[in-house]
Amino acid sequence: MIRVAMLSFWHVHARDYTRQALEHPDTQIVAAWDEEPARGRAKAEQLGVRFYDNLDELLRQTDIDAVIVDTPTNIHRDVMIAAAKAGKHIFTEKVIATTLHECNEIIAAIEQAGVKLTVSLPRLNAGYTQAIREIMRQKQLGEATLVRVRLSHNGAIATADNPNGWLPAHFFNAEQCGGGAMIDLGCHPMYLTRLFLGLPESVSANYGYVTGREVEDNALVTLRYPNGAIGVVEAGFVNRFSPFTIEAHGTEGSLFFGTPEAQLIMRSTQPGAPGGDRWHTISQLPADLPSAFQQWVSHIQQGTTATENIQTAIELTMLMEAANISARSNQPVQLNSLQR
């Protein structure tokens, strides 16, 4: 049994990871800490577990094997480095950190301590992602020219029940979050675009402020590649009915997923691919892979490392930092210009 401590309930997904830890047969929540003690104490009482006012005291406990980190993003570095040095395995919400430099400091501490890290990047594990990745790998669309991924919701829009929107107020705190719609919701389109096209050479970002918060609630980022391909990453908190959408285009074909239905269609002239006479629906998608949480537990039990997950998460932090710099400076940012 892997004994887990919850480190903060700041993030909206903390409840999901709490549920996963309670439901997994090999994990047990035994303790909690929160940078807001009143919130953490209330959650710990609900769970029937010990609450610690002091993080260092919690990390000194020998009957805690691992931690789930859902703190504000701006304290990820300090919390995760402390956890690693204490020998605790770490499961965390994306992004790892707000800058590549802090991300690399965290990874170095984890590698030195020999603990297991997995980052929640859930759409990597979806069957549609696996199918599209394989289509792109086989070049069934020819040479890739453009990938566009969009994810948006209405979390910042006023409703009768939520005059400030249903997202927690702290999700609009620039210091805690490191940004708004792009660094939160845009993470998913960003790591998928990177998965399908690879790592770009430069990033350009445009942020909008529809509801007047201090962070963006409407965002678009373009990724530029040396071969002329372009990635388009879109995210927002101000759209009621915007479907999750993936589209990919190449010199010989195109594919669409979620426009608006959750089905994958494609058309291509490439030999072996669905023919160019009409659009084809790919009805059989691979089964979803195990969740990131399930993978984390397996890595702890088997002594393996989430190599691809961690590398994707590092590159995600890199892309998000570049996007934020680009939005502030109103110019493209070369990835090789970021501080390592």
C-alpha atoms as a PDB file:
ATOM      1  CA  MET A   1       0.000   0.000   0.000  1.00  0.00           C
ATOM      2  CA  ILE A   2       1.404   3.376  -1.065  1.00  0.00           C
ATOM      3  CA  ARG A   3       0.637   5.938   1.658  1.00  0.00           C
ATOM      4  CA  VAL A   4      -0.112   9.321   0.105  1.00  0.00           C
ATOM      5  CA  ALA A   5      -0.327  12.873   1.430  1.00  0.00           C
ATOM      6  CA  MET A   6      -2.341  15.571  -0.304  1.00  0.00           C
ATOM      7  CA  LEU A   7      -0.275  18.747  -0.642  1.00  0.00           C
ATOM      8  CA  SER A   8      -2.904  21.477  -1.052  1.00  0.00           C
ATOM      9  CA  PHE A   9      -6.420  21.557  -2.425  1.00  0.00           C
ATOM     10  CA  TRP A  10      -5.845  24.770  -4.388  1.00  0.00           C
ATOM     11  CA  HIS A  11      -6.324  23.326  -7.852  1.00  0.00           C
ATOM     12  CA  VAL A  12      -9.799  22.396  -9.101  1.00  0.00           C
ATOM     13  CA  HIS A  13      -8.492  18.961 -10.037  1.00  0.00           C
ATOM     14  CA  ALA A  14      -7.415  18.169  -6.462  1.00  0.00           C
ATOM     15  CA  ARG A  15     -10.814  16.569  -5.921  1.00  0.00           C
ATOM     16  CA  ASP A  16     -10.253  14.313  -8.945  1.00  0.00           C
ATOM     17  CA  TYR A  17      -6.874  13.128  -7.676  1.00  0.00           C
ATOM     18  CA  THR A  18      -8.312  12.650  -4.203  1.00  0.00           C
ATOM     19  CA  ARG A  19     -10.964  10.411  -5.725  1.00  0.00           C
ATOM     20  CA  GLN A  20      -8.413   8.472  -7.774  1.00  0.00           C
ATOM     21  CA  ALA A  21      -6.211   7.919  -4.724  1.00  0.00           C
ATOM     22  CA  LEU A  22      -9.209   6.714  -2.701  1.00  0.00           C
ATOM     23  CA  GLU A  23     -10.389   4.388  -5.475  1.00  0.00           C
ATOM     24  CA  HIS A  24      -7.020   2.862  -6.383  1.00  0.00           C
ATOM     25  CA  PRO A  25      -6.538  -0.454  -4.539  1.00  0.00           C
ATOM     26  CA  ASP A  26      -2.851   0.237  -3.905  1.00  0.00           C
ATOM     27  CA  THR A  27      -2.989   3.805  -2.560  1.00  0.00           C
ATOM     28  CA  GLN A  28      -4.243   5.273   0.695  1.00  0.00           C
ATOM     29  CA  ILE A  29      -4.510   8.941   1.691  1.00  0.00           C
ATOM     30  CA  VAL A  30      -3.044   9.319   5.174  1.00  0.00           C
ATOM     31  CA  ALA A  31      -2.283  13.038   5.577  1.00  0.00           C
ATOM     32  CA  ALA A  32      -2.762  16.526   4.160  1.00  0.00           C
ATOM     33  CA  TRP A  33      -1.146  19.969   4.147  1.00  0.00           C
ATOM     34  CA  ASP A  34      -2.363  23.189   2.569  1.00  0.00           C
ATOM     35  CA  GLU A  35      -0.887  26.660   2.155  1.00  0.00           C
ATOM     36  CA  GLU A  36      -4.312  27.802   3.362  1.00  0.00           C
ATOM     37  CA  PRO A  37      -4.625  25.894   6.668  1.00  0.00           C
ATOM     38  CA  ALA A  38      -8.381  26.407   7.104  1.00  0.00           C
ATOM     39  CA  ARG A  39      -9.115  24.840   3.710  1.00  0.00           C
ATOM     40  CA  GLY A  40      -6.676  21.997   4.263  1.00  0.00           C
ATOM     41  CA  ARG A  41      -7.906  21.251   7.769  1.00  0.00           C
ATOM     42  CA  ALA A  42     -11.506  21.055   6.542  1.00  0.00           C
ATOM     43  CA  LYS A  43     -10.558  18.693   3.700  1.00  0.00           C
ATOM     44  CA  ALA A  44      -8.455  16.527   6.015  1.00  0.00           C
ATOM     45  CA  GLU A  45     -11.385  16.265   8.412  1.00  0.00           C
ATOM     46  CA  GLN A  46     -13.647  15.165   5.561  1.00  0.00           C
ATOM     47  CA  LEU A  47     -11.109  12.514   4.594  1.00  0.00           C
ATOM     48  CA  GLY A  48     -10.491  11.452   8.187  1.00  0.00           C
ATOM     49  CA  VAL A  49      -6.721  11.958   7.915  1.00  0.00           C
ATOM     50  CA  ARG A  50      -4.035  13.901   9.776  1.00  0.00           C
ATOM     51  CA  PHE A  51      -3.556  17.562   8.926  1.00  0.00           C
ATOM     52  CA  TYR A  52      -0.157  19.254   9.205  1.00  0.00           C
ATOM     53  CA  ASP A  53       0.220  23.012   9.510  1.00  0.00           C
ATOM     54  CA  ASN A  54       3.902  22.665   8.685  1.00  0.00           C
ATOM     55  CA  LEU A  55       4.969  21.102   5.373  1.00  0.00           C
ATOM     56  CA  ASP A  56       8.431  20.128   6.602  1.00  0.00           C
ATOM     57  CA  GLU A  57       6.884  18.248   9.515  1.00  0.00           C
ATOM     58  CA  LEU A  58       4.660  16.288   7.135  1.00  0.00           C
ATOM     59  CA  LEU A  59       7.577  15.449   4.872  1.00  0.00           C
ATOM     60  CA  ARG A  60       9.564  14.108   7.839  1.00  0.00           C
ATOM     61  CA  GLN A  61       6.950  11.428   8.500  1.00  0.00           C
ATOM     62  CA  THR A  62       8.294   7.976   7.650  1.00  0.00           C
ATOM     63  CA  ASP A  63       4.811   6.541   7.164  1.00  0.00           C
ATOM     64  CA  ILE A  64       4.196   8.781   4.113  1.00  0.00           C
ATOM     65  CA  ASP A  65       5.550   7.371   0.847  1.00  0.00           C
ATOM     66  CA  ALA A  66       4.289   9.828  -1.749  1.00  0.00           C
ATOM     67  CA  VAL A  67       2.590  13.171  -2.291  1.00  0.00           C
ATOM     68  CA  ILE A  68       0.028  14.626  -4.684  1.00  0.00           C
ATOM     69  CA  VAL A  69       0.921  18.265  -5.387  1.00  0.00           C
ATOM     70  CA  ASP A  70      -1.986  20.600  -6.175  1.00  0.00           C
ATOM     71  CA  THR A  71      -0.532  23.836  -4.816  1.00  0.00           C
ATOM     72  CA  PRO A  72      -0.505  27.187  -6.621  1.00  0.00           C
ATOM     73  CA  THR A  73       1.861  26.876  -9.563  1.00  0.00           C
ATOM     74  CA  ASN A  74       4.224  29.558  -8.248  1.00  0.00           C
ATOM     75  CA  ILE A  75       5.203  27.382  -5.261  1.00  0.00           C
ATOM     76  CA  HIS A  76       5.586  24.120  -7.197  1.00  0.00           C
ATOM     77  CA  ARG A  77       9.363  24.521  -7.182  1.00  0.00           C
ATOM     78  CA  ASP A  78       9.779  24.830  -3.421  1.00  0.00           C
ATOM     79  CA  VAL A  79       7.174  22.192  -2.559  1.00  0.00           C
ATOM     80  CA  MET A  80       8.391  19.558  -5.021  1.00  0.00           C
ATOM     81  CA  ILE A  81      12.075  20.035  -4.271  1.00  0.00           C
ATOM     82  CA  ALA A  82      11.328  19.674  -0.559  1.00  0.00           C
ATOM     83  CA  ALA A  83       9.257  16.543  -1.232  1.00  0.00           C
ATOM     84  CA  ALA A  84      11.978  15.017  -3.409  1.00  0.00           C
ATOM     85  CA  LYS A  85      14.666  15.687  -0.802  1.00  0.00           C
ATOM     86  CA  ALA A  86      12.432  13.971   1.759  1.00  0.00           C
ATOM     87  CA  GLY A  87      12.273  10.897  -0.492  1.00  0.00           C
ATOM     88  CA  LYS A  88       8.597  11.205  -1.414  1.00  0.00           C
ATOM     89  CA  HIS A  89       7.304  10.144  -4.830  1.00  0.00           C
ATOM     90  CA  ILE A  90       5.438  12.959  -6.594  1.00  0.00           C
ATOM     91  CA  PHE A  91       2.284  13.177  -8.685  1.00  0.00           C
ATOM     92  CA  THR A  92       1.503  16.703  -9.818  1.00  0.00           C
ATOM     93  CA  GLU A  93      -0.880  18.844 -11.797  1.00  0.00           C
ATOM     94  CA  LYS A  94       0.492  20.509 -14.930  1.00  0.00           C
ATOM     95  CA  VAL A  95       2.531  22.629 -15.449  1.00  0.00           C
ATOM     96  CA  ILE A  96       5.621  21.490 -13.551  1.00  0.00           C
ATOM     97  CA  ALA A  97       6.633  25.146 -13.048  1.00  0.00           C
ATOM     98  CA  THR A  98       6.176  28.543 -14.663  1.00  0.00           C
ATOM     99  CA  THR A  99       9.724  28.677 -16.057  1.00  0.00           C
ATOM    100  CA  LEU A 100      12.076  26.173 -17.662  1.00  0.00           C
ATOM    101  CA  HIS A 101      14.795  27.091 -15.153  1.00  0.00           C
ATOM    102  CA  GLU A 102      12.592  26.198 -12.158  1.00  0.00           C
ATOM    103  CA  CYS A 103      11.386  23.075 -13.954  1.00  0.00           C
ATOM    104  CA  ASN A 104      14.955  21.888 -14.457  1.00  0.00           C
ATOM    105  CA  GLU A 105      15.707  22.531 -10.777  1.00  0.00           C
ATOM    106  CA  ILE A 106      12.758  20.325  -9.818  1.00  0.00           C
ATOM    107  CA  ILE A 107      13.775  17.541 -12.216  1.00  0.00           C
ATOM    108  CA  ALA A 108      17.373  17.628 -10.933  1.00  0.00           C
ATOM    109  CA  ALA A 109      16.154  17.229  -7.338  1.00  0.00           C
ATOM    110  CA  ILE A 110      13.879  14.345  -8.314  1.00  0.00           C
ATOM    111  CA  GLU A 111      16.630  12.549 -10.209  1.00  0.00           C
ATOM    112  CA  GLN A 112      19.093  13.024  -7.351  1.00  0.00           C
ATOM    113  CA  ALA A 113      16.599  11.654  -4.836  1.00  0.00           C
ATOM    114  CA  GLY A 114      15.571   8.739  -7.060  1.00  0.00           C
ATOM    115  CA  VAL A 115      11.857   9.297  -6.498  1.00  0.00           C
ATOM    116  CA  LYS A 116       9.159   8.734  -9.114  1.00  0.00           C
ATOM    117  CA  LEU A 117       7.442  11.677 -10.807  1.00  0.00           C
ATOM    118  CA  THR A 118       4.398  11.639 -13.064  1.00  0.00           C
ATOM    119  CA  VAL A 119       2.607  14.736 -14.353  1.00  0.00           C
ATOM    120  CA  SER A 120      -1.109  14.783 -15.116  1.00  0.00           C
ATOM    121  CA  LEU A 121      -1.335  15.190 -18.901  1.00  0.00           C
ATOM    122  CA  PRO A 122      -4.566  13.234 -19.375  1.00  0.00           C
ATOM    123  CA  ARG A 123      -5.252  13.752 -23.073  1.00  0.00           C
ATOM    124  CA  LEU A 124      -1.977  12.016 -23.927  1.00  0.00           C
ATOM    125  CA  ASN A 125      -3.657   8.783 -22.886  1.00  0.00           C
ATOM    126  CA  ALA A 126      -6.854   9.125 -24.941  1.00  0.00           C
ATOM    127  CA  GLY A 127      -7.593   6.703 -27.750  1.00  0.00           C
ATOM    128  CA  TYR A 128      -8.092   9.525 -30.270  1.00  0.00           C
ATOM    129  CA  THR A 129      -4.634  10.884 -29.398  1.00  0.00           C
ATOM    130  CA  GLN A 130      -3.036   7.520 -30.030  1.00  0.00           C
ATOM    131  CA  ALA A 131      -4.856   7.177 -33.354  1.00  0.00           C
ATOM    132  CA  ILE A 132      -3.857  10.650 -34.589  1.00  0.00           C
ATOM    133  CA  ARG A 133      -0.280  10.205 -33.414  1.00  0.00           C
ATOM    134  CA  GLU A 134       0.005   7.019 -35.449  1.00  0.00           C
ATOM    135  CA  ILE A 135      -1.534   8.646 -38.537  1.00  0.00           C
ATOM    136  CA  MET A 136       1.026  11.453 -38.268  1.00  0.00           C
ATOM    137  CA  ARG A 137       3.884   9.020 -37.613  1.00  0.00           C
ATOM    138  CA  GLN A 138       3.005   7.039 -40.741  1.00  0.00           C
ATOM    139  CA  LYS A 139       2.669  10.286 -42.737  1.00  0.00           C
ATOM    140  CA  GLN A 140      -0.776   9.262 -43.920  1.00  0.00           C
ATOM    141  CA  LEU A 141      -1.477  12.961 -44.504  1.00  0.00           C
ATOM    142  CA  GLY A 142       1.803  13.436 -46.351  1.00  0.00           C
ATOM    143  CA  GLU A 143       4.194  16.042 -44.965  1.00  0.00           C
ATOM    144  CA  ALA A 144       2.539  17.807 -42.049  1.00  0.00           C
ATOM    145  CA  THR A 145       1.730  21.449 -42.735  1.00  0.00           C
ATOM    146  CA  LEU A 146      -0.595  22.551 -39.918  1.00  0.00           C
ATOM    147  CA  VAL A 147      -2.003  21.234 -36.654  1.00  0.00           C
ATOM    148  CA  ARG A 148      -4.653  23.173 -34.728  1.00  0.00           C
ATOM    149  CA  VAL A 149      -5.976  22.151 -31.292  1.00  0.00           C
ATOM    150  CA  ARG A 150      -8.603  24.113 -29.366  1.00  0.00           C
ATOM    151  CA  LEU A 151      -9.964  23.724 -25.828  1.00  0.00           C
ATOM    152  CA  SER A 152     -12.215  26.328 -24.250  1.00  0.00           C
ATOM    153  CA  HIS A 153     -14.995  26.656 -21.688  1.00  0.00           C
ATOM    154  CA  ASN A 154     -17.126  29.345 -20.027  1.00  0.00           C
ATOM    155  CA  GLY A 155     -15.465  29.417 -16.605  1.00  0.00           C
ATOM    156  CA  ALA A 156     -15.000  33.204 -16.589  1.00  0.00           C
ATOM    157  CA  ILE A 157     -18.503  34.096 -17.812  1.00  0.00           C
ATOM    158  CA  ALA A 158     -21.108  35.343 -15.348  1.00  0.00           C
ATOM    159  CA  THR A 159     -24.194  33.212 -14.703  1.00  0.00           C
ATOM    160  CA  ALA A 160     -27.126  33.552 -12.321  1.00  0.00           C
ATOM    161  CA  ASP A 161     -25.458  31.169  -9.861  1.00  0.00           C
ATOM    162  CA  ASN A 162     -21.890  32.425 -10.391  1.00  0.00           C
ATOM    163  CA  PRO A 163     -21.705  36.167 -11.104  1.00  0.00           C
ATOM    164  CA  ASN A 164     -17.915  35.936 -11.525  1.00  0.00           C
ATOM    165  CA  GLY A 165     -17.942  32.631 -13.416  1.00  0.00           C
ATOM    166  CA  TRP A 166     -17.611  29.129 -12.004  1.00  0.00           C
ATOM    167  CA  LEU A 167     -13.797  29.063 -11.894  1.00  0.00           C
ATOM    168  CA  PRO A 168     -12.351  29.791  -8.430  1.00  0.00           C
ATOM    169  CA  ALA A 169     -11.278  33.420  -8.001  1.00  0.00           C
ATOM    170  CA  HIS A 170      -7.643  32.375  -7.491  1.00  0.00           C
ATOM    171  CA  PHE A 171      -7.528  31.016 -11.053  1.00  0.00           C
ATOM    172  CA  PHE A 172      -7.346  34.661 -12.123  1.00  0.00           C
ATOM    173  CA  ASN A 173      -4.407  35.412  -9.805  1.00  0.00           C
ATOM    174  CA  ALA A 174      -1.417  36.091 -12.056  1.00  0.00           C
ATOM    175  CA  GLU A 175       1.158  35.516  -9.303  1.00  0.00           C
ATOM    176  CA  GLN A 176      -0.204  32.155  -8.206  1.00  0.00           C
ATOM    177  CA  CYS A 177      -1.103  30.790 -11.638  1.00  0.00           C
ATOM    178  CA  GLY A 178       1.644  32.210 -13.830  1.00  0.00           C
ATOM    179  CA  GLY A 179      -1.015  33.110 -16.396  1.00  0.00           C
ATOM    180  CA  GLY A 180      -4.619  32.404 -17.283  1.00  0.00           C
ATOM    181  CA  ALA A 181      -6.413  30.421 -19.953  1.00  0.00           C
ATOM    182  CA  MET A 182      -3.260  29.408 -21.813  1.00  0.00           C
ATOM    183  CA  ILE A 183      -1.180  28.048 -18.932  1.00  0.00           C
ATOM    184  CA  ASP A 184      -4.216  26.342 -17.412  1.00  0.00           C
ATOM    185  CA  LEU A 185      -6.560  25.067 -20.091  1.00  0.00           C
ATOM    186  CA  GLY A 186      -4.178  25.666 -22.998  1.00  0.00           C
ATOM    187  CA  CYS A 187      -1.743  23.128 -21.613  1.00  0.00           C
ATOM    188  CA  HIS A 188      -3.748  20.339 -23.220  1.00  0.00           C
ATOM    189  CA  PRO A 189      -3.806  21.757 -26.765  1.00  0.00           C
ATOM    190  CA  MET A 190      -0.154  22.712 -26.323  1.00  0.00           C
ATOM    191  CA  TYR A 191       1.183  19.275 -25.424  1.00  0.00           C
ATOM    192  CA  LEU A 192      -0.990  17.645 -28.099  1.00  0.00           C
ATOM    193  CA  THR A 193       0.269  20.002 -30.805  1.00  0.00           C
ATOM    194  CA  ARG A 194       3.827  19.343 -29.682  1.00  0.00           C
ATOM    195  CA  LEU A 195       3.097  15.588 -29.731  1.00  0.00           C
ATOM    196  CA  PHE A 196       1.839  15.669 -33.319  1.00  0.00           C
ATOM    197  CA  LEU A 197       4.374  18.124 -34.792  1.00  0.00           C
ATOM    198  CA  GLY A 198       7.361  17.952 -32.469  1.00  0.00           C
ATOM    199  CA  LEU A 199       9.118  20.799 -30.694  1.00  0.00           C
ATOM    200  CA  PRO A 200       9.029  24.104 -32.632  1.00  0.00           C
ATOM    201  CA  GLU A 201      11.828  26.607 -33.024  1.00  0.00           C
ATOM    202  CA  SER A 202       9.783  29.648 -31.970  1.00  0.00           C
ATOM    203  CA  VAL A 203       6.531  30.643 -30.299  1.00  0.00           C
ATOM    204  CA  SER A 204       4.235  33.642 -30.864  1.00  0.00           C
ATOM    205  CA  ALA A 205       1.318  34.430 -28.535  1.00  0.00           C
ATOM    206  CA  ASN A 206      -1.669  36.760 -28.475  1.00  0.00           C
ATOM    207  CA  TYR A 207      -3.723  37.079 -25.275  1.00  0.00           C
ATOM    208  CA  GLY A 208      -7.151  38.639 -24.853  1.00  0.00           C
ATOM    209  CA  TYR A 209      -8.825  39.964 -21.698  1.00  0.00           C
ATOM    210  CA  VAL A 210     -12.551  39.751 -22.397  1.00  0.00           C
ATOM    211  CA  THR A 211     -13.682  39.868 -18.747  1.00  0.00           C
ATOM    212  CA  GLY A 212     -11.008  42.311 -17.593  1.00  0.00           C
ATOM    213  CA  ARG A 213      -9.124  39.951 -15.249  1.00  0.00           C
ATOM    214  CA  GLU A 214      -5.398  40.336 -14.611  1.00  0.00           C
ATOM    215  CA  VAL A 215      -4.767  37.126 -16.576  1.00  0.00           C
ATOM    216  CA  GLU A 216      -5.847  36.288 -20.111  1.00  0.00           C
ATOM    217  CA  ASP A 217      -9.176  34.566 -20.650  1.00  0.00           C
ATOM    218  CA  ASN A 218      -8.835  34.238 -24.443  1.00  0.00           C
ATOM    219  CA  ALA A 219      -5.589  33.044 -25.999  1.00  0.00           C
ATOM    220  CA  LEU A 220      -3.948  31.908 -29.214  1.00  0.00           C
ATOM    221  CA  VAL A 221      -0.370  30.691 -29.675  1.00  0.00           C
ATOM    222  CA  THR A 222       1.343  29.776 -32.935  1.00  0.00           C
ATOM    223  CA  LEU A 223       4.306  27.409 -33.134  1.00  0.00           C
ATOM    224  CA  ARG A 224       6.718  27.803 -36.023  1.00  0.00           C
ATOM    225  CA  TYR A 225       8.779  24.911 -37.443  1.00  0.00           C
ATOM    226  CA  PRO A 226      11.893  25.014 -39.637  1.00  0.00           C
ATOM    227  CA  ASN A 227      10.158  23.043 -42.423  1.00  0.00           C
ATOM    228  CA  GLY A 228       7.341  25.586 -42.716  1.00  0.00           C
ATOM    229  CA  ALA A 229       4.773  23.705 -40.648  1.00  0.00           C
ATOM    230  CA  ILE A 230       2.675  25.696 -38.176  1.00  0.00           C
ATOM    231  CA  GLY A 231       0.986  24.712 -34.939  1.00  0.00           C
ATOM    232  CA  VAL A 232      -2.021  26.649 -33.630  1.00  0.00           C
ATOM    233  CA  VAL A 233      -2.944  26.364 -29.945  1.00  0.00           C
ATOM    234  CA  GLU A 234      -6.206  27.959 -28.749  1.00  0.00           C
ATOM    235  CA  ALA A 235      -7.716  28.236 -25.269  1.00  0.00           C
ATOM    236  CA  GLY A 236     -10.288  30.332 -23.490  1.00  0.00           C
ATOM    237  CA  PHE A 237     -12.491  30.786 -20.431  1.00  0.00           C
ATOM    238  CA  VAL A 238     -15.159  32.770 -22.309  1.00  0.00           C
ATOM    239  CA  ASN A 239     -16.916  30.332 -24.660  1.00  0.00           C
ATOM    240  CA  ARG A 240     -20.064  28.407 -23.767  1.00  0.00           C
ATOM    241  CA  PHE A 241     -20.248  25.924 -26.630  1.00  0.00           C
ATOM    242  CA  SER A 242     -16.746  25.690 -28.105  1.00  0.00           C
ATOM    243  CA  PRO A 243     -15.979  21.990 -28.687  1.00  0.00           C
ATOM    244  CA  PHE A 244     -12.628  20.380 -28.004  1.00  0.00           C
ATOM    245  CA  THR A 245     -11.179  20.255 -31.516  1.00  0.00           C
ATOM    246  CA  ILE A 246      -8.164  18.730 -33.242  1.00  0.00           C
ATOM    247  CA  GLU A 247      -7.399  19.252 -36.903  1.00  0.00           C
ATOM    248  CA  ALA A 248      -4.294  18.216 -38.786  1.00  0.00           C
ATOM    249  CA  HIS A 249      -3.354  18.921 -42.396  1.00  0.00           C
ATOM    250  CA  GLY A 250      -0.632  17.700 -44.691  1.00  0.00           C
ATOM    251  CA  THR A 251       0.358  17.791 -48.320  1.00  0.00           C
ATOM    252  CA  GLU A 252      -1.801  14.728 -49.086  1.00  0.00           C
ATOM    253  CA  GLY A 253      -4.680  14.822 -46.619  1.00  0.00           C
ATOM    254  CA  SER A 254      -6.474  16.188 -43.568  1.00  0.00           C
ATOM    255  CA  LEU A 255      -8.140  14.907 -40.401  1.00  0.00           C
ATOM    256  CA  PHE A 256     -10.600  16.324 -37.901  1.00  0.00           C
ATOM    257  CA  PHE A 257     -11.685  15.293 -34.423  1.00  0.00           C
ATOM    258  CA  GLY A 258     -14.431  16.999 -32.426  1.00  0.00           C
ATOM    259  CA  THR A 259     -15.971  19.302 -35.023  1.00  0.00           C
ATOM    260  CA  PRO A 260     -18.127  19.182 -33.004  1.00  0.00           C
ATOM    261  CA  GLU A 261     -18.790  15.480 -32.398  1.00  0.00           C
ATOM    262  CA  ALA A 262     -16.187  13.259 -30.767  1.00  0.00           C
ATOM    263  CA  GLN A 263     -15.381  11.300 -33.910  1.00  0.00           C
ATOM    264  CA  LEU A 264     -12.274  11.122 -36.058  1.00  0.00           C
ATOM    265  CA  ILE A 265     -12.631  11.695 -39.803  1.00  0.00           C
ATOM    266  CA  MET A 266      -9.938  11.879 -42.435  1.00  0.00           C
ATOM    267  CA  ARG A 267      -9.309  12.012 -46.171  1.00  0.00           C
ATOM    268  CA  SER A 268      -6.016  11.343 -47.899  1.00  0.00           C
ATOM    269  CA  THR A 269      -4.462  10.426 -51.215  1.00  0.00           C
ATOM    270  CA  GLN A 270      -1.639   8.466 -49.570  1.00  0.00           C
ATOM    271  CA  PRO A 271      -1.445   4.733 -50.411  1.00  0.00           C
ATOM    272  CA  GLY A 272      -2.848   2.681 -47.549  1.00  0.00           C
ATOM    273  CA  ALA A 273      -4.721   5.611 -46.030  1.00  0.00           C
ATOM    274  CA  PRO A 274      -8.502   6.148 -46.337  1.00  0.00           C
ATOM    275  CA  GLY A 275      -9.038   7.064 -50.002  1.00  0.00           C
ATOM    276  CA  GLY A 276      -9.328  10.521 -51.469  1.00  0.00           C
ATOM    277  CA  ASP A 277     -12.782  10.009 -52.959  1.00  0.00           C
ATOM    278  CA  ARG A 278     -14.606  11.025 -49.760  1.00  0.00           C
ATOM    279  CA  TRP A 279     -14.256  11.677 -46.035  1.00  0.00           C
ATOM    280  CA  HIS A 280     -13.915   8.525 -43.940  1.00  0.00           C
ATOM    281  CA  THR A 281     -14.924   8.047 -40.309  1.00  0.00           C
ATOM    282  CA  ILE A 282     -12.406   6.023 -38.308  1.00  0.00           C
ATOM    283  CA  SER A 283     -14.806   4.139 -36.080  1.00  0.00           C
ATOM    284  CA  GLN A 284     -12.341   1.910 -34.240  1.00  0.00           C
ATOM    285  CA  LEU A 285     -10.069   3.932 -31.962  1.00  0.00           C
ATOM    286  CA  PRO A 286      -7.514   2.411 -29.611  1.00  0.00           C
ATOM    287  CA  ALA A 287      -8.572   1.943 -26.014  1.00  0.00           C
ATOM    288  CA  ASP A 288      -7.514   4.687 -23.648  1.00  0.00           C
ATOM    289  CA  LEU A 289      -4.211   4.065 -21.893  1.00  0.00           C
ATOM    290  CA  PRO A 290      -4.148   3.864 -18.090  1.00  0.00           C
ATOM    291  CA  SER A 291      -4.560   7.258 -16.423  1.00  0.00           C
ATOM    292  CA  ALA A 292      -1.529   9.283 -15.384  1.00  0.00           C
ATOM    293  CA  PHE A 293      -2.293   8.429 -11.741  1.00  0.00           C
ATOM    294  CA  GLN A 294      -2.419   4.713 -12.506  1.00  0.00           C
ATOM    295  CA  GLN A 295       0.862   5.019 -14.412  1.00  0.00           C
ATOM    296  CA  TRP A 296       2.456   6.808 -11.440  1.00  0.00           C
ATOM    297  CA  VAL A 297       1.479   4.009  -9.069  1.00  0.00           C
ATOM    298  CA  SER A 298       2.913   1.432 -11.491  1.00  0.00           C
ATOM    299  CA  HIS A 299       6.202   3.341 -11.777  1.00  0.00           C
ATOM    300  CA  ILE A 300       6.522   3.370  -7.978  1.00  0.00           C
ATOM    301  CA  GLN A 301       5.742  -0.336  -7.718  1.00  0.00           C
ATOM    302  CA  GLN A 302       7.942  -1.436 -10.612  1.00  0.00           C
ATOM    303  CA  GLY A 303      10.827   0.980 -10.116  1.00  0.00           C
ATOM    304  CA  THR A 304      10.425   2.401 -13.626  1.00  0.00           C
ATOM    305  CA  THR A 305      10.502   6.012 -14.824  1.00  0.00           C
ATOM    306  CA  ALA A 306       7.831   8.000 -16.685  1.00  0.00           C
ATOM    307  CA  THR A 307      10.414   9.099 -19.243  1.00  0.00           C
ATOM    308  CA  GLU A 308       8.113  10.282 -22.035  1.00  0.00           C
ATOM    309  CA  ASN A 309       5.628  11.867 -19.631  1.00  0.00           C
ATOM    310  CA  ILE A 310       8.373  13.845 -17.887  1.00  0.00           C
ATOM    311  CA  GLN A 311       9.995  14.992 -21.126  1.00  0.00           C
ATOM    312  CA  THR A 312       6.626  16.109 -22.479  1.00  0.00           C
ATOM    313  CA  ALA A 313       5.981  18.003 -19.232  1.00  0.00           C
ATOM    314  CA  ILE A 314       9.385  19.721 -19.391  1.00  0.00           C
ATOM    315  CA  GLU A 315       8.731  20.812 -22.969  1.00  0.00           C
ATOM    316  CA  LEU A 316       5.248  21.976 -21.982  1.00  0.00           C
ATOM    317  CA  THR A 317       6.750  24.269 -19.343  1.00  0.00           C
ATOM    318  CA  MET A 318       9.210  25.540 -21.944  1.00  0.00           C
ATOM    319  CA  LEU A 319       6.442  26.306 -24.437  1.00  0.00           C
ATOM    320  CA  MET A 320       4.289  28.032 -21.820  1.00  0.00           C
ATOM    321  CA  GLU A 321       7.141  30.229 -20.634  1.00  0.00           C
ATOM    322  CA  ALA A 322       7.909  31.209 -24.233  1.00  0.00           C
ATOM    323  CA  ALA A 323       4.224  31.980 -24.875  1.00  0.00           C
ATOM    324  CA  ASN A 324       4.005  34.240 -21.816  1.00  0.00           C
ATOM    325  CA  ILE A 325       7.171  36.095 -22.816  1.00  0.00           C
ATOM    326  CA  SER A 326       5.878  36.485 -26.365  1.00  0.00           C
ATOM    327  CA  ALA A 327       2.523  37.867 -25.191  1.00  0.00           C
ATOM    328  CA  ARG A 328       4.281  40.429 -22.985  1.00  0.00           C
ATOM    329  CA  SER A 329       6.833  41.467 -25.590  1.00  0.00           C
ATOM    330  CA  ASN A 330       4.550  41.201 -28.642  1.00  0.00           C
ATOM    331  CA  GLN A 331       7.198  39.357 -30.606  1.00  0.00           C
ATOM    332  CA  PRO A 332       8.200  35.736 -31.361  1.00  0.00           C
ATOM    333  CA  VAL A 333      10.360  33.936 -28.807  1.00  0.00           C
ATOM    334  CA  GLN A 334      13.034  31.431 -29.804  1.00  0.00           C
ATOM    335  CA  LEU A 335      12.981  28.394 -27.507  1.00  0.00           C
ATOM    336  CA  ASN A 336      16.782  28.334 -27.377  1.00  0.00           C
ATOM    337  CA  SER A 337      16.703  31.796 -25.775  1.00  0.00           C
ATOM    338  CA  LEU A 338      15.107  30.569 -22.524  1.00  0.00           C
ATOM    339  CA  GLN A 339      17.198  30.286 -19.385  1.00  0.00           C
ATOM    340  CA  ARG A 340      18.019  26.691 -18.644  1.00  0.00           C
END
